[in-house]
Amino acid sequence: MSFCSFFGGEVFQNHFEPGIYVCAQCGYELFSSRSKYAHSSPWPAFTETIHADSVAKRPEHNQPGALKVSCGRCGNGLGHEFLNDGPKHGQSRF
């Protein structure tokens, strides 16, 4: 999972093969393909993490309703969690 340009370049957006998504920096398990779903953003979207400590979250002060997300092991930046923006009511999107 690495940063990509918002206007393209993300190879895992439409990738739905079974597997585990890991941190690009340290290899820690982050998300399962079972929690991945199709979304209009250019990045892959997930509803839950593999482990309770897969990611660390902190408030994103300039973006209400979003949390800044990083790898729970090494701190590598992963993007955001958007609260109440999942495929079902009340779910969040990583």
Protein backbone atom coordinates (compact mmCIF):
# COMPACT_ATOMS: atom_id res chain seq x y z
CA MET A 1 0.00 0.00 0.00
CA SER A 2 1.76 3.11 -1.12
CA PHE A 3 0.71 6.60 -1.94
CA CYS A 4 -0.40 7.25 -5.50
CA SER A 5 -1.57 10.16 -7.59
CA PHE A 6 -5.24 11.02 -7.18
CA PHE A 7 -5.56 11.15 -10.96
CA GLY A 8 -4.40 7.61 -11.69
CA GLY A 9 -1.67 5.12 -11.11
CA GLU A 10 -3.27 3.00 -8.39
CA VAL A 11 -2.98 -0.61 -9.58
CA PHE A 12 -5.06 -2.11 -6.74
CA GLN A 13 -8.26 -0.06 -7.18
CA ASN A 14 -9.99 -2.71 -9.30
CA HIS A 15 -7.99 -5.67 -8.02
CA PHE A 16 -10.25 -8.22 -6.29
CA GLU A 17 -8.04 -11.32 -6.08
CA PRO A 18 -8.16 -13.11 -2.70
CA GLY A 19 -5.32 -12.13 -0.43
CA ILE A 20 -3.90 -9.86 2.23
CA TYR A 21 -2.86 -6.22 1.80
CA VAL A 22 0.28 -5.41 3.75
CA CYS A 23 2.24 -2.28 4.59
CA ALA A 24 4.63 -1.42 1.76
CA GLN A 25 7.27 -0.38 4.27
CA CYS A 26 7.32 -3.15 6.90
CA GLY A 27 5.04 -5.92 5.55
CA TYR A 28 2.57 -5.85 8.47
CA GLU A 29 -0.89 -7.25 7.63
CA LEU A 30 -3.41 -4.43 7.20
CA PHE A 31 -6.52 -5.49 5.27
CA SER A 32 -8.05 -8.68 3.89
CA SER A 33 -9.48 -8.79 0.39
CA ARG A 34 -12.71 -10.00 2.08
CA SER A 35 -13.24 -6.49 3.49
CA LYS A 36 -12.50 -4.76 0.15
CA TYR A 37 -15.30 -3.27 -1.94
CA ALA A 38 -15.70 -1.29 -5.15
CA HIS A 39 -15.67 2.45 -4.60
CA SER A 40 -15.38 5.54 -6.82
CA SER A 41 -12.13 6.79 -5.29
CA PRO A 42 -8.89 5.91 -7.12
CA TRP A 43 -7.67 3.90 -4.10
CA PRO A 44 -8.80 0.53 -2.81
CA ALA A 45 -11.53 0.75 -0.15
CA PHE A 46 -11.89 -1.50 2.90
CA THR A 47 -14.41 -1.72 5.73
CA GLU A 48 -12.17 -3.22 8.42
CA THR A 49 -8.60 -4.05 9.35
CA ILE A 50 -7.14 -7.52 9.94
CA HIS A 51 -5.85 -6.85 13.47
CA ALA A 52 -7.01 -4.35 16.07
CA ASP A 53 -3.55 -2.77 15.84
CA SER A 54 -3.14 -2.98 12.03
CA VAL A 55 -3.49 0.77 11.78
CA ALA A 56 -3.11 3.81 14.01
CA LYS A 57 -5.58 6.67 13.62
CA ARG A 58 -5.54 10.32 14.57
CA PRO A 59 -7.96 13.17 13.85
CA GLU A 60 -7.49 15.01 10.58
CA HIS A 61 -7.98 18.59 11.70
CA ASN A 62 -8.64 20.09 8.27
CA GLN A 63 -11.03 17.32 7.18
CA PRO A 64 -13.99 16.70 9.51
CA GLY A 65 -15.31 13.14 9.34
CA ALA A 66 -11.89 11.73 8.47
CA LEU A 67 -9.04 10.21 10.43
CA LYS A 68 -5.41 10.10 9.30
CA VAL A 69 -4.36 6.43 9.08
CA SER A 70 -0.87 4.96 9.34
CA CYS A 71 0.57 1.48 9.76
CA GLY A 72 0.16 0.34 13.35
CA ARG A 73 3.64 -1.15 13.37
CA CYS A 74 5.97 1.29 11.58
CA GLY A 75 3.89 4.47 11.13
CA ASN A 76 3.95 4.46 7.30
CA GLY A 77 1.21 6.79 5.99
CA LEU A 78 -1.74 4.91 4.49
CA GLY A 79 -4.28 7.64 3.83
CA HIS A 80 -7.55 8.19 5.67
CA GLU A 81 -10.53 6.51 7.28
CA PHE A 82 -13.73 8.24 6.20
CA LEU A 83 -16.34 7.87 8.91
CA ASN A 84 -19.80 6.61 7.90
CA ASP A 85 -18.77 6.30 4.24
CA GLY A 86 -18.80 2.51 3.88
CA PRO A 87 -21.05 0.33 1.74
CA LYS A 88 -23.53 -0.13 4.61
CA HIS A 89 -25.08 2.50 6.89
CA GLY A 90 -22.71 3.32 9.75
CA GLN A 91 -19.63 1.62 8.24
CA SER A 92 -16.46 3.55 7.63
CA ARG A 93 -14.15 3.38 4.62
CA PHE A 94 -10.38 2.93 4.90
